[in-house]
Amino acid sequence: YLTVILGALVLSCLGQIGDLSFSLIKREYNIKDYGNLMPGHGGVLDRFDSTLLATPSVIAYLALVGVL
């Protein structure tokens, strides 16, 4: 259980870092939305920006522990 709890905490932090880093990019370049496909939601990339950092981290961890 400790591994699962620790993994959830780390992935939660990585997801927030991913979200904040894409928000920083948007602010730096004065972009309101990443697209018009989902009006009012910031675009499709705003729905997945947190997973773009967390997913490779999960894959790297699984490869490190020998699951993959």
Protein backbone atom coordinates (compact mmCIF):
# COMPACT_ATOMS: atom_id res chain seq x y z
CA TYR A 1 0.00 0.00 0.00
CA LEU A 2 2.86 2.35 0.71
CA THR A 3 4.11 2.12 -2.89
CA VAL A 4 0.67 2.91 -4.27
CA ILE A 5 0.17 5.87 -1.93
CA LEU A 6 3.64 7.24 -2.67
CA GLY A 7 3.10 6.78 -6.41
CA ALA A 8 -0.24 8.58 -6.25
CA LEU A 9 1.32 11.52 -4.41
CA VAL A 10 4.21 11.79 -6.86
CA LEU A 11 1.94 11.52 -9.91
CA SER A 12 -0.39 14.12 -8.47
CA CYS A 13 2.52 16.54 -8.09
CA LEU A 14 3.81 15.76 -11.58
CA GLY A 15 0.36 16.36 -13.03
CA GLN A 16 0.16 19.75 -11.36
CA ILE A 17 3.66 20.64 -12.58
CA GLY A 18 2.66 19.68 -16.13
CA ASP A 19 -0.49 21.80 -15.91
CA LEU A 20 1.39 24.79 -14.51
CA SER A 21 4.17 24.53 -17.08
CA PHE A 22 1.71 24.64 -19.99
CA SER A 23 -0.06 27.59 -18.32
CA LEU A 24 3.30 29.35 -18.10
CA ILE A 25 3.89 28.78 -21.81
CA LYS A 26 0.45 30.16 -22.62
CA ARG A 27 1.07 33.26 -20.51
CA GLU A 28 4.52 33.80 -21.99
CA TYR A 29 3.14 33.82 -25.54
CA ASN A 30 -0.20 35.53 -24.72
CA ILE A 31 -2.26 32.54 -25.86
CA LYS A 32 -5.73 32.25 -24.37
CA ASP A 33 -6.65 28.81 -25.71
CA TYR A 34 -4.74 26.03 -27.44
CA GLY A 35 -7.58 25.45 -29.89
CA ASN A 36 -11.21 26.00 -30.77
CA LEU A 37 -12.39 22.40 -30.71
CA MET A 38 -13.67 22.71 -27.13
CA PRO A 39 -14.74 26.37 -26.67
CA GLY A 40 -14.50 27.62 -23.11
CA HIS A 41 -12.23 24.77 -22.01
CA GLY A 42 -8.90 26.10 -23.29
CA GLY A 43 -8.67 23.60 -26.11
CA VAL A 44 -7.93 19.91 -26.20
CA LEU A 45 -4.36 20.33 -24.96
CA ASP A 46 -5.64 21.89 -21.74
CA ARG A 47 -7.52 18.66 -21.03
CA PHE A 48 -4.35 16.57 -21.35
CA ASP A 49 -1.49 18.85 -20.28
CA SER A 50 -1.10 17.22 -16.88
CA THR A 51 -0.90 13.73 -18.37
CA LEU A 52 1.84 14.77 -20.79
CA LEU A 53 4.30 14.88 -17.89
CA ALA A 54 2.82 12.15 -15.71
CA THR A 55 2.49 9.41 -18.35
CA PRO A 56 6.18 9.25 -19.36
CA SER A 57 7.07 9.26 -15.67
CA VAL A 58 4.84 6.23 -15.05
CA ILE A 59 6.36 4.41 -18.02
CA ALA A 60 9.89 5.19 -16.84
CA TYR A 61 9.06 4.00 -13.31
CA LEU A 62 7.52 0.77 -14.57
CA ALA A 63 10.55 0.14 -16.75
CA LEU A 64 12.84 0.90 -13.81
CA VAL A 65 11.15 -1.60 -11.50
CA GLY A 66 11.02 -4.23 -14.24
CA VAL A 67 7.30 -4.38 -14.95
CA LEU A 68 7.71 -3.43 -18.61
